[in-house]
Full PDB file with SEQRES, HELIX, SHEET, SSBOND, CRYST1, ORIGX, SCALE, CONECT and MASTER records, all heavy atoms in Angstrom:
SEQRES   1 A   37  TRP PHE ARG GLN ALA PRO GLY LYS GLU ARG GLU PHE VAL          
SEQRES   2 A   37  ALA ALA ILE ASN TRP SER GLY ALA THR LYS PHE TYR THR          
SEQRES   3 A   37  ASP SER VAL LYS GLY ARG PHE THR ILE SER ARG                  
HELIX    1 AA1 ASP A   27  VAL A   29  5                                   3    
SHEET    1 AA1 2 PHE A   2  ARG A   3  0                                        
SHEET    2 AA1 2 GLU A  11  PHE A  12 -1                                        
SHEET    1 AA2 2 ALA A  14  ILE A  16  0                                        
SHEET    2 AA2 2 LYS A  23  TYR A  25 -1                                        
CRYST1    1.000    1.000    1.000  90.00  90.00  90.00 P 1           1          
ORIGX1      1.000000  0.000000  0.000000        0.00000                         
ORIGX2      0.000000  1.000000  0.000000        0.00000                         
ORIGX3      0.000000  0.000000  1.000000        0.00000                         
SCALE1      1.000000  0.000000  0.000000        0.00000                         
SCALE2      0.000000  1.000000  0.000000        0.00000                         
SCALE3      0.000000  0.000000  1.000000        0.00000                         
ATOM      1  N   TRP A   1       4.485  -1.305   0.828  1.00  0.00           N  
ATOM      2  CA  TRP A   1       4.721   0.103   1.137  1.00  0.00           C  
ATOM      3  C   TRP A   1       3.920   0.473   2.381  1.00  0.00           C  
ATOM      4  O   TRP A   1       2.744   0.105   2.513  1.00  0.00           O  
ATOM      5  CB  TRP A   1       4.264   0.999  -0.014  1.00  0.00           C  
ATOM      6  CG  TRP A   1       5.120   0.911  -1.231  1.00  0.00           C  
ATOM      7  CD1 TRP A   1       4.903   0.132  -2.340  1.00  0.00           C  
ATOM      8  CD2 TRP A   1       6.340   1.625  -1.463  1.00  0.00           C  
ATOM      9  NE1 TRP A   1       5.917   0.329  -3.246  1.00  0.00           N  
ATOM     10  CE2 TRP A   1       6.808   1.238  -2.744  1.00  0.00           C  
ATOM     11  CE3 TRP A   1       7.075   2.562  -0.740  1.00  0.00           C  
ATOM     12  CZ2 TRP A   1       7.984   1.755  -3.297  1.00  0.00           C  
ATOM     13  CZ3 TRP A   1       8.239   3.065  -1.291  1.00  0.00           C  
ATOM     14  CH2 TRP A   1       8.681   2.680  -2.547  1.00  0.00           C  
ATOM     15  N   PHE A   2       4.579   1.184   3.282  1.00  0.00           N  
ATOM     16  CA  PHE A   2       3.944   1.771   4.447  1.00  0.00           C  
ATOM     17  C   PHE A   2       4.222   3.269   4.418  1.00  0.00           C  
ATOM     18  O   PHE A   2       5.133   3.730   3.727  1.00  0.00           O  
ATOM     19  CB  PHE A   2       4.505   1.171   5.740  1.00  0.00           C  
ATOM     20  CG  PHE A   2       4.022  -0.220   6.024  1.00  0.00           C  
ATOM     21  CD1 PHE A   2       4.541  -1.315   5.352  1.00  0.00           C  
ATOM     22  CD2 PHE A   2       3.033  -0.445   6.976  1.00  0.00           C  
ATOM     23  CE1 PHE A   2       4.092  -2.604   5.609  1.00  0.00           C  
ATOM     24  CE2 PHE A   2       2.573  -1.724   7.239  1.00  0.00           C  
ATOM     25  CZ  PHE A   2       3.104  -2.806   6.557  1.00  0.00           C  
ATOM     26  N   ARG A   3       3.460   4.029   5.198  1.00  0.00           N  
ATOM     27  CA  ARG A   3       3.724   5.465   5.294  1.00  0.00           C  
ATOM     28  C   ARG A   3       3.464   5.927   6.723  1.00  0.00           C  
ATOM     29  O   ARG A   3       2.693   5.317   7.459  1.00  0.00           O  
ATOM     30  CB  ARG A   3       2.860   6.252   4.319  1.00  0.00           C  
ATOM     31  CG  ARG A   3       1.353   6.208   4.584  1.00  0.00           C  
ATOM     32  CD  ARG A   3       0.594   6.892   3.462  1.00  0.00           C  
ATOM     33  NE  ARG A   3      -0.844   6.875   3.679  1.00  0.00           N  
ATOM     34  CZ  ARG A   3      -1.732   7.321   2.812  1.00  0.00           C  
ATOM     35  NH1 ARG A   3      -1.350   7.837   1.629  1.00  0.00           N  
ATOM     36  NH2 ARG A   3      -3.026   7.268   3.086  1.00  0.00           N  
ATOM     37  N   GLN A   4       4.153   7.004   7.072  1.00  0.00           N  
ATOM     38  CA  GLN A   4       3.968   7.580   8.398  1.00  0.00           C  
ATOM     39  C   GLN A   4       3.953   9.091   8.289  1.00  0.00           C  
ATOM     40  O   GLN A   4       4.928   9.701   7.836  1.00  0.00           O  
ATOM     41  CB  GLN A   4       5.069   7.130   9.355  1.00  0.00           C  
ATOM     42  CG  GLN A   4       4.818   7.557  10.792  1.00  0.00           C  
ATOM     43  CD  GLN A   4       5.714   6.851  11.776  1.00  0.00           C  
ATOM     44  OE1 GLN A   4       6.765   6.312  11.432  1.00  0.00           O  
ATOM     45  NE2 GLN A   4       5.299   6.822  13.038  1.00  0.00           N  
ATOM     46  N   ALA A   5       2.842   9.666   8.683  1.00  0.00           N  
ATOM     47  CA  ALA A   5       2.693  11.114   8.706  1.00  0.00           C  
ATOM     48  C   ALA A   5       3.129  11.637  10.072  1.00  0.00           C  
ATOM     49  O   ALA A   5       3.111  10.892  11.055  1.00  0.00           O  
ATOM     50  CB  ALA A   5       1.238  11.485   8.436  1.00  0.00           C  
ATOM     51  N   PRO A   6       3.509  12.893  10.149  1.00  0.00           N  
ATOM     52  CA  PRO A   6       3.942  13.454  11.438  1.00  0.00           C  
ATOM     53  C   PRO A   6       2.876  13.298  12.510  1.00  0.00           C  
ATOM     54  O   PRO A   6       1.704  13.611  12.299  1.00  0.00           O  
ATOM     55  CB  PRO A   6       4.163  14.936  11.097  1.00  0.00           C  
ATOM     56  CG  PRO A   6       4.448  14.961   9.642  1.00  0.00           C  
ATOM     57  CD  PRO A   6       3.615  13.870   9.049  1.00  0.00           C  
ATOM     58  N   GLY A   7       3.305  12.767  13.649  1.00  0.00           N  
ATOM     59  CA  GLY A   7       2.398  12.615  14.776  1.00  0.00           C  
ATOM     60  C   GLY A   7       1.422  11.465  14.668  1.00  0.00           C  
ATOM     61  O   GLY A   7       0.537  11.318  15.512  1.00  0.00           O  
ATOM     62  N   LYS A   8       1.595  10.642  13.626  1.00  0.00           N  
ATOM     63  CA  LYS A   8       0.666   9.516  13.433  1.00  0.00           C  
ATOM     64  C   LYS A   8       1.412   8.192  13.419  1.00  0.00           C  
ATOM     65  O   LYS A   8       2.624   8.140  13.231  1.00  0.00           O  
ATOM     66  CB  LYS A   8      -0.110   9.698  12.125  1.00  0.00           C  
ATOM     67  CG  LYS A   8      -1.040  10.894  12.119  1.00  0.00           C  
ATOM     68  CD  LYS A   8      -1.920  10.888  10.891  1.00  0.00           C  
ATOM     69  CE  LYS A   8      -2.921  12.026  10.923  1.00  0.00           C  
ATOM     70  NZ  LYS A   8      -3.810  12.017   9.724  1.00  0.00           N  
ATOM     71  N   GLU A   9       0.651   7.113  13.592  1.00  0.00           N  
ATOM     72  CA  GLU A   9       1.213   5.769  13.527  1.00  0.00           C  
ATOM     73  C   GLU A   9       1.565   5.410  12.088  1.00  0.00           C  
ATOM     74  O   GLU A   9       0.972   5.924  11.137  1.00  0.00           O  
ATOM     75  CB  GLU A   9       0.198   4.760  14.065  1.00  0.00           C  
ATOM     76  CG  GLU A   9      -0.169   4.933  15.525  1.00  0.00           C  
ATOM     77  CD  GLU A   9       0.974   4.515  16.431  1.00  0.00           C  
ATOM     78  OE1 GLU A   9       1.617   3.482  16.139  1.00  0.00           O  
ATOM     79  OE2 GLU A   9       1.223   5.212  17.423  1.00  0.00           O  
ATOM     80  N   ARG A  10       2.530   4.507  11.929  1.00  0.00           N  
ATOM     81  CA  ARG A  10       2.840   3.998  10.603  1.00  0.00           C  
ATOM     82  C   ARG A  10       1.621   3.260  10.058  1.00  0.00           C  
ATOM     83  O   ARG A  10       0.966   2.509  10.781  1.00  0.00           O  
ATOM     84  CB  ARG A  10       4.045   3.064  10.675  1.00  0.00           C  
ATOM     85  CG  ARG A  10       4.508   2.559   9.321  1.00  0.00           C  
ATOM     86  CD  ARG A  10       5.915   2.004   9.389  1.00  0.00           C  
ATOM     87  NE  ARG A  10       6.105   1.073  10.468  1.00  0.00           N  
ATOM     88  CZ  ARG A  10       7.284   0.578  10.822  1.00  0.00           C  
ATOM     89  NH1 ARG A  10       8.377   0.950  10.167  1.00  0.00           N  
ATOM     90  NH2 ARG A  10       7.385  -0.267  11.821  1.00  0.00           N  
ATOM     91  N   GLU A  11       1.353   3.459   8.785  1.00  0.00           N  
ATOM     92  CA  GLU A  11       0.120   2.967   8.165  1.00  0.00           C  
ATOM     93  C   GLU A  11       0.441   2.112   6.946  1.00  0.00           C  
ATOM     94  O   GLU A  11       1.287   2.483   6.117  1.00  0.00           O  
ATOM     95  CB  GLU A  11      -0.723   4.174   7.729  1.00  0.00           C  
ATOM     96  CG  GLU A  11      -1.973   3.852   6.943  1.00  0.00           C  
ATOM     97  CD  GLU A  11      -2.629   5.092   6.350  1.00  0.00           C  
ATOM     98  OE1 GLU A  11      -1.914   6.074   6.096  1.00  0.00           O  
ATOM     99  OE2 GLU A  11      -3.843   5.052   6.120  1.00  0.00           O  
ATOM    100  N   PHE A  12      -0.230   0.997   6.820  1.00  0.00           N  
ATOM    101  CA  PHE A  12      -0.110   0.149   5.633  1.00  0.00           C  
ATOM    102  C   PHE A  12      -0.683   0.873   4.423  1.00  0.00           C  
ATOM    103  O   PHE A  12      -1.745   1.488   4.509  1.00  0.00           O  
ATOM    104  CB  PHE A  12      -0.880  -1.156   5.861  1.00  0.00           C  
ATOM    105  CG  PHE A  12      -1.021  -2.006   4.626  1.00  0.00           C  
ATOM    106  CD1 PHE A  12       0.005  -2.842   4.225  1.00  0.00           C  
ATOM    107  CD2 PHE A  12      -2.178  -1.950   3.859  1.00  0.00           C  
ATOM    108  CE1 PHE A  12      -0.117  -3.621   3.083  1.00  0.00           C  
ATOM    109  CE2 PHE A  12      -2.317  -2.726   2.722  1.00  0.00           C  
ATOM    110  CZ  PHE A  12      -1.284  -3.568   2.335  1.00  0.00           C  
ATOM    111  N   VAL A  13       0.002   0.775   3.288  1.00  0.00           N  
ATOM    112  CA  VAL A  13      -0.473   1.378   2.059  1.00  0.00           C  
ATOM    113  C   VAL A  13      -0.831   0.312   1.029  1.00  0.00           C  
ATOM    114  O   VAL A  13      -1.949   0.278   0.523  1.00  0.00           O  
ATOM    115  CB  VAL A  13       0.582   2.339   1.459  1.00  0.00           C  
ATOM    116  CG1 VAL A  13       0.089   2.908   0.131  1.00  0.00           C  
ATOM    117  CG2 VAL A  13       0.908   3.452   2.438  1.00  0.00           C  
ATOM    118  N   ALA A  14       0.123  -0.565   0.711  1.00  0.00           N  
ATOM    119  CA  ALA A  14      -0.101  -1.582  -0.321  1.00  0.00           C  
ATOM    120  C   ALA A  14       0.917  -2.692  -0.165  1.00  0.00           C  
ATOM    121  O   ALA A  14       2.007  -2.473   0.372  1.00  0.00           O  
ATOM    122  CB  ALA A  14       0.007  -0.962  -1.712  1.00  0.00           C  
ATOM    123  N   ALA A  15       0.559  -3.885  -0.635  1.00  0.00           N  
ATOM    124  CA  ALA A  15       1.465  -5.028  -0.613  1.00  0.00           C  
ATOM    125  C   ALA A  15       1.322  -5.806  -1.912  1.00  0.00           C  
ATOM    126  O   ALA A  15       0.290  -5.759  -2.583  1.00  0.00           O  
ATOM    127  CB  ALA A  15       1.174  -5.929   0.576  1.00  0.00           C  
ATOM    128  N   ILE A  16       2.374  -6.561  -2.243  1.00  0.00           N  
ATOM    129  CA  ILE A  16       2.393  -7.328  -3.487  1.00  0.00           C  
ATOM    130  C   ILE A  16       3.106  -8.645  -3.252  1.00  0.00           C  
ATOM    131  O   ILE A  16       4.092  -8.709  -2.514  1.00  0.00           O  
ATOM    132  CB  ILE A  16       3.089  -6.486  -4.590  1.00  0.00           C  
ATOM    133  CG1 ILE A  16       2.948  -7.131  -5.968  1.00  0.00           C  
ATOM    134  CG2 ILE A  16       4.559  -6.220  -4.256  1.00  0.00           C  
ATOM    135  CD1 ILE A  16       3.353  -6.202  -7.100  1.00  0.00           C  
ATOM    136  N   ASN A  17       2.600  -9.712  -3.873  1.00  0.00           N  
ATOM    137  CA  ASN A  17       3.264 -11.003  -3.707  1.00  0.00           C  
ATOM    138  C   ASN A  17       4.473 -11.069  -4.648  1.00  0.00           C  
ATOM    139  O   ASN A  17       4.753 -10.146  -5.409  1.00  0.00           O  
ATOM    140  CB  ASN A  17       2.286 -12.153  -3.934  1.00  0.00           C  
ATOM    141  CG  ASN A  17       2.010 -12.401  -5.413  1.00  0.00           C  
ATOM    142  OD1 ASN A  17       1.968 -11.467  -6.218  1.00  0.00           O  
ATOM    143  ND2 ASN A  17       1.829 -13.668  -5.765  1.00  0.00           N  
ATOM    144  N   TRP A  18       5.180 -12.200  -4.618  1.00  0.00           N  
ATOM    145  CA  TRP A  18       6.439 -12.270  -5.337  1.00  0.00           C  
ATOM    146  C   TRP A  18       6.278 -12.073  -6.846  1.00  0.00           C  
ATOM    147  O   TRP A  18       7.144 -11.471  -7.490  1.00  0.00           O  
ATOM    148  CB  TRP A  18       7.112 -13.617  -5.069  1.00  0.00           C  
ATOM    149  CG  TRP A  18       6.473 -14.745  -5.823  1.00  0.00           C  
ATOM    150  CD1 TRP A  18       5.379 -15.471  -5.458  1.00  0.00           C  
ATOM    151  CD2 TRP A  18       6.881 -15.242  -7.105  1.00  0.00           C  
ATOM    152  NE1 TRP A  18       5.082 -16.391  -6.437  1.00  0.00           N  
ATOM    153  CE2 TRP A  18       5.985 -16.278  -7.451  1.00  0.00           C  
ATOM    154  CE3 TRP A  18       7.906 -14.919  -7.972  1.00  0.00           C  
ATOM    155  CZ2 TRP A  18       6.099 -16.986  -8.643  1.00  0.00           C  
ATOM    156  CZ3 TRP A  18       8.024 -15.624  -9.170  1.00  0.00           C  
ATOM    157  CH2 TRP A  18       7.118 -16.639  -9.484  1.00  0.00           C  
ATOM    158  N   SER A  19       5.175 -12.536  -7.402  1.00  0.00           N  
ATOM    159  CA  SER A  19       5.020 -12.488  -8.853  1.00  0.00           C  
ATOM    160  C   SER A  19       4.308 -11.224  -9.333  1.00  0.00           C  
ATOM    161  O   SER A  19       4.310 -10.930 -10.532  1.00  0.00           O  
ATOM    162  CB  SER A  19       4.228 -13.705  -9.335  1.00  0.00           C  
ATOM    163  OG  SER A  19       2.881 -13.617  -8.885  1.00  0.00           O  
ATOM    164  N   GLY A  20       3.667 -10.523  -8.400  1.00  0.00           N  
ATOM    165  CA  GLY A  20       2.882  -9.368  -8.799  1.00  0.00           C  
ATOM    166  C   GLY A  20       1.435  -9.685  -9.095  1.00  0.00           C  
ATOM    167  O   GLY A  20       0.661  -8.801  -9.442  1.00  0.00           O  
ATOM    168  N   ALA A  21       1.057 -10.949  -8.950  1.00  0.00           N  
ATOM    169  CA  ALA A  21      -0.298 -11.359  -9.292  1.00  0.00           C  
ATOM    170  C   ALA A  21      -1.307 -10.995  -8.213  1.00  0.00           C  
ATOM    171  O   ALA A  21      -2.507 -10.873  -8.502  1.00  0.00           O  
ATOM    172  CB  ALA A  21      -0.330 -12.863  -9.538  1.00  0.00           C  
ATOM    173  N   THR A  22      -0.853 -10.859  -6.980  1.00  0.00           N  
ATOM    174  CA  THR A  22      -1.743 -10.545  -5.862  1.00  0.00           C  
ATOM    175  C   THR A  22      -1.315  -9.234  -5.220  1.00  0.00           C  
ATOM    176  O   THR A  22      -0.131  -9.036  -4.943  1.00  0.00           O  
ATOM    177  CB  THR A  22      -1.710 -11.661  -4.801  1.00  0.00           C  
ATOM    178  OG1 THR A  22      -2.028 -12.902  -5.415  1.00  0.00           O  
ATOM    179  CG2 THR A  22      -2.721 -11.375  -3.690  1.00  0.00           C  
ATOM    180  N   LYS A  23      -2.288  -8.365  -4.999  1.00  0.00           N  
ATOM    181  CA  LYS A  23      -2.002  -7.041  -4.431  1.00  0.00           C  
ATOM    182  C   LYS A  23      -3.062  -6.693  -3.388  1.00  0.00           C  
ATOM    183  O   LYS A  23      -4.236  -6.999  -3.579  1.00  0.00           O  
ATOM    184  CB  LYS A  23      -2.013  -5.985  -5.537  1.00  0.00           C  
ATOM    185  CG  LYS A  23      -1.016  -6.279  -6.655  1.00  0.00           C  
ATOM    186  CD  LYS A  23      -1.134  -5.300  -7.803  1.00  0.00           C  
ATOM    187  CE  LYS A  23      -0.206  -5.683  -8.941  1.00  0.00           C  
ATOM    188  NZ  LYS A  23      -0.287  -4.725 -10.072  1.00  0.00           N  
ATOM    189  N   PHE A  24      -2.627  -6.078  -2.326  1.00  0.00           N  
ATOM    190  CA  PHE A  24      -3.519  -5.546  -1.301  1.00  0.00           C  
ATOM    191  C   PHE A  24      -3.340  -4.028  -1.263  1.00  0.00           C  
ATOM    192  O   PHE A  24      -2.227  -3.526  -1.417  1.00  0.00           O  
ATOM    193  CB  PHE A  24      -3.158  -6.090   0.086  1.00  0.00           C  
ATOM    194  CG  PHE A  24      -3.374  -7.567   0.301  1.00  0.00           C  
ATOM    195  CD1 PHE A  24      -2.865  -8.170   1.440  1.00  0.00           C  
ATOM    196  CD2 PHE A  24      -4.073  -8.346  -0.599  1.00  0.00           C  
ATOM    197  CE1 PHE A  24      -3.059  -9.525   1.686  1.00  0.00           C  
ATOM    198  CE2 PHE A  24      -4.270  -9.699  -0.373  1.00  0.00           C  
ATOM    199  CZ  PHE A  24      -3.755 -10.293   0.784  1.00  0.00           C  
ATOM    200  N   TYR A  25      -4.432  -3.314  -0.980  1.00  0.00           N  
ATOM    201  CA  TYR A  25      -4.378  -1.868  -0.812  1.00  0.00           C  
ATOM    202  C   TYR A  25      -5.211  -1.448   0.389  1.00  0.00           C  
ATOM    203  O   TYR A  25      -6.263  -2.049   0.668  1.00  0.00           O  
ATOM    204  CB  TYR A  25      -4.960  -1.141  -2.041  1.00  0.00           C  
ATOM    205  CG  TYR A  25      -4.185  -1.338  -3.315  1.00  0.00           C  
ATOM    206  CD1 TYR A  25      -4.556  -2.320  -4.227  1.00  0.00           C  
ATOM    207  CD2 TYR A  25      -3.098  -0.527  -3.622  1.00  0.00           C  
ATOM    208  CE1 TYR A  25      -3.854  -2.498  -5.413  1.00  0.00           C  
ATOM    209  CE2 TYR A  25      -2.391  -0.702  -4.808  1.00  0.00           C  
ATOM    210  CZ  TYR A  25      -2.775  -1.689  -5.691  1.00  0.00           C  
ATOM    211  OH  TYR A  25      -2.067  -1.856  -6.859  1.00  0.00           O  
ATOM    212  N   THR A  26      -4.791  -0.391   1.053  1.00  0.00           N  
ATOM    213  CA  THR A  26      -5.659   0.209   2.047  1.00  0.00           C  
ATOM    214  C   THR A  26      -6.752   0.985   1.311  1.00  0.00           C  
ATOM    215  O   THR A  26      -6.542   1.474   0.191  1.00  0.00           O  
ATOM    216  CB  THR A  26      -4.871   1.108   3.003  1.00  0.00           C  
ATOM    217  OG1 THR A  26      -5.682   1.453   4.117  1.00  0.00           O  
ATOM    218  CG2 THR A  26      -4.383   2.379   2.318  1.00  0.00           C  
ATOM    219  N   ASP A  27      -7.911   1.105   1.929  1.00  0.00           N  
ATOM    220  CA  ASP A  27      -9.073   1.676   1.226  1.00  0.00           C  
ATOM    221  C   ASP A  27      -8.830   3.095   0.713  1.00  0.00           C  
ATOM    222  O   ASP A  27      -9.320   3.468  -0.360  1.00  0.00           O  
ATOM    223  CB  ASP A  27     -10.286   1.674   2.155  1.00  0.00           C  
ATOM    224  CG  ASP A  27     -10.877   0.289   2.335  1.00  0.00           C  
ATOM    225  OD1 ASP A  27     -10.515  -0.623   1.557  1.00  0.00           O  
ATOM    226  OD2 ASP A  27     -11.688   0.110   3.264  1.00  0.00           O  
ATOM    227  N   SER A  28      -8.081   3.879   1.466  1.00  0.00           N  
ATOM    228  CA  SER A  28      -7.926   5.292   1.115  1.00  0.00           C  
ATOM    229  C   SER A  28      -7.116   5.525  -0.160  1.00  0.00           C  
ATOM    230  O   SER A  28      -7.148   6.637  -0.709  1.00  0.00           O  
ATOM    231  CB  SER A  28      -7.289   6.056   2.269  1.00  0.00           C  
ATOM    232  OG  SER A  28      -5.989   5.576   2.525  1.00  0.00           O  
ATOM    233  N   VAL A  29      -6.418   4.497  -0.643  1.00  0.00           N  
ATOM    234  CA  VAL A  29      -5.606   4.688  -1.846  1.00  0.00           C  
ATOM    235  C   VAL A  29      -6.115   3.876  -3.036  1.00  0.00           C  
ATOM    236  O   VAL A  29      -5.577   4.003  -4.143  1.00  0.00           O  
ATOM    237  CB  VAL A  29      -4.117   4.352  -1.592  1.00  0.00           C  
ATOM    238  CG1 VAL A  29      -3.591   5.115  -0.389  1.00  0.00           C  
ATOM    239  CG2 VAL A  29      -3.886   2.857  -1.437  1.00  0.00           C  
ATOM    240  N   LYS A  30      -7.121   3.059  -2.827  1.00  0.00           N  
ATOM    241  CA  LYS A  30      -7.653   2.251  -3.932  1.00  0.00           C  
ATOM    242  C   LYS A  30      -8.135   3.155  -5.063  1.00  0.00           C  
ATOM    243  O   LYS A  30      -8.828   4.137  -4.850  1.00  0.00           O  
ATOM    244  CB  LYS A  30      -8.795   1.371  -3.433  1.00  0.00           C  
ATOM    245  CG  LYS A  30      -8.336   0.203  -2.591  1.00  0.00           C  
ATOM    246  CD  LYS A  30      -9.522  -0.636  -2.111  1.00  0.00           C  
ATOM    247  CE  LYS A  30      -9.049  -1.794  -1.255  1.00  0.00           C  
ATOM    248  NZ  LYS A  30     -10.186  -2.576  -0.702  1.00  0.00           N  
ATOM    249  N   GLY A  31      -7.746   2.784  -6.275  1.00  0.00           N  
ATOM    250  CA  GLY A  31      -8.115   3.575  -7.437  1.00  0.00           C  
ATOM    251  C   GLY A  31      -7.166   4.723  -7.724  1.00  0.00           C  
ATOM    252  O   GLY A  31      -7.235   5.340  -8.790  1.00  0.00           O  
ATOM    253  N   ARG A  32      -6.263   5.027  -6.799  1.00  0.00           N  
ATOM    254  CA  ARG A  32      -5.298   6.112  -6.994  1.00  0.00           C  
ATOM    255  C   ARG A  32      -3.860   5.600  -7.015  1.00  0.00           C  
ATOM    256  O   ARG A  32      -3.024   6.152  -7.727  1.00  0.00           O  
ATOM    257  CB  ARG A  32      -5.455   7.167  -5.905  1.00  0.00           C  
ATOM    258  CG  ARG A  32      -6.812   7.815  -5.845  1.00  0.00           C  
ATOM    259  CD  ARG A  32      -6.825   9.001  -4.882  1.00  0.00           C  
ATOM    260  NE  ARG A  32      -6.491   8.618  -3.519  1.00  0.00           N  
ATOM    261  CZ  ARG A  32      -5.451   9.111  -2.836  1.00  0.00           C  
ATOM    262  NH1 ARG A  32      -4.645  10.008  -3.393  1.00  0.00           N  
ATOM    263  NH2 ARG A  32      -5.226   8.710  -1.588  1.00  0.00           N  
ATOM    264  N   PHE A  33      -3.561   4.593  -6.219  1.00  0.00           N  
ATOM    265  CA  PHE A  33      -2.198   4.058  -6.130  1.00  0.00           C  
ATOM    266  C   PHE A  33      -2.151   2.671  -6.768  1.00  0.00           C  
ATOM    267  O   PHE A  33      -3.093   1.893  -6.642  1.00  0.00           O  
ATOM    268  CB  PHE A  33      -1.758   3.933  -4.669  1.00  0.00           C  
ATOM    269  CG  PHE A  33      -1.532   5.233  -3.938  1.00  0.00           C  
ATOM    270  CD1 PHE A  33      -1.923   6.453  -4.476  1.00  0.00           C  
ATOM    271  CD2 PHE A  33      -0.908   5.225  -2.698  1.00  0.00           C  
ATOM    272  CE1 PHE A  33      -1.716   7.634  -3.796  1.00  0.00           C  
ATOM    273  CE2 PHE A  33      -0.688   6.403  -1.994  1.00  0.00           C  
ATOM    274  CZ  PHE A  33      -1.096   7.595  -2.542  1.00  0.00           C  
ATOM    275  N   THR A  34      -1.027   2.371  -7.406  1.00  0.00           N  
ATOM    276  CA  THR A  34      -0.808   1.049  -7.997  1.00  0.00           C  
ATOM    277  C   THR A  34       0.562   0.540  -7.590  1.00  0.00           C  
ATOM    278  O   THR A  34       1.573   1.203  -7.845  1.00  0.00           O  
ATOM    279  CB  THR A  34      -0.895   1.103  -9.522  1.00  0.00           C  
ATOM    280  OG1 THR A  34      -2.166   1.626  -9.919  1.00  0.00           O  
ATOM    281  CG2 THR A  34      -0.720  -0.300 -10.112  1.00  0.00           C  
ATOM    282  N   ILE A  35       0.587  -0.618  -6.963  1.00  0.00           N  
ATOM    283  CA  ILE A  35       1.854  -1.257  -6.585  1.00  0.00           C  
ATOM    284  C   ILE A  35       2.244  -2.231  -7.688  1.00  0.00           C  
ATOM    285  O   ILE A  35       1.380  -2.909  -8.268  1.00  0.00           O  
ATOM    286  CB  ILE A  35       1.739  -1.955  -5.216  1.00  0.00           C  
ATOM    287  CG1 ILE A  35       3.110  -2.405  -4.714  1.00  0.00           C  
ATOM    288  CG2 ILE A  35       0.739  -3.098  -5.260  1.00  0.00           C  
ATOM    289  CD1 ILE A  35       3.088  -2.919  -3.268  1.00  0.00           C  
ATOM    290  N   SER A  36       3.527  -2.298  -7.993  1.00  0.00           N  
ATOM    291  CA  SER A  36       4.012  -3.225  -9.009  1.00  0.00           C  
ATOM    292  C   SER A  36       5.462  -3.563  -8.706  1.00  0.00           C  
ATOM    293  O   SER A  36       6.070  -2.965  -7.812  1.00  0.00           O  
ATOM    294  CB  SER A  36       3.879  -2.610 -10.412  1.00  0.00           C  
ATOM    295  OG  SER A  36       4.684  -1.454 -10.535  1.00  0.00           O  
ATOM    296  N   ARG A  37       6.000  -4.514  -9.457  1.00  0.00           N  
ATOM    297  CA  ARG A  37       7.399  -4.885  -9.262  1.00  0.00           C  
ATOM    298  C   ARG A  37       7.980  -5.405 -10.559  1.00  0.00           C  
ATOM    299  O   ARG A  37       7.251  -5.939 -11.408  1.00  0.00           O  
ATOM    300  CB  ARG A  37       7.541  -5.914  -8.142  1.00  0.00           C  
ATOM    301  CG  ARG A  37       6.888  -7.245  -8.437  1.00  0.00           C  
ATOM    302  CD  ARG A  37       6.809  -8.121  -7.174  1.00  0.00           C  
ATOM    303  NE  ARG A  37       8.124  -8.409  -6.638  1.00  0.00           N  
ATOM    304  CZ  ARG A  37       8.325  -8.882  -5.396  1.00  0.00           C  
ATOM    305  NH1 ARG A  37       7.287  -9.099  -4.591  1.00  0.00           N  
ATOM    306  NH2 ARG A  37       9.546  -9.130  -4.973  1.00  0.00           N  
TER     307      ARG A  37                                                      
MASTER        0    0    0    1    4    0    0    6  306    1    0    3          
END                                                                             
């Protein structure tokens, strides 16, 4: 998942590998957002 706010660059939010076992998050969303599949 990426996001883009008005007037700002597109920003990485979270990523997940094929199985869901590995996840990356940007610091600003850790503890608040959960990526899954």
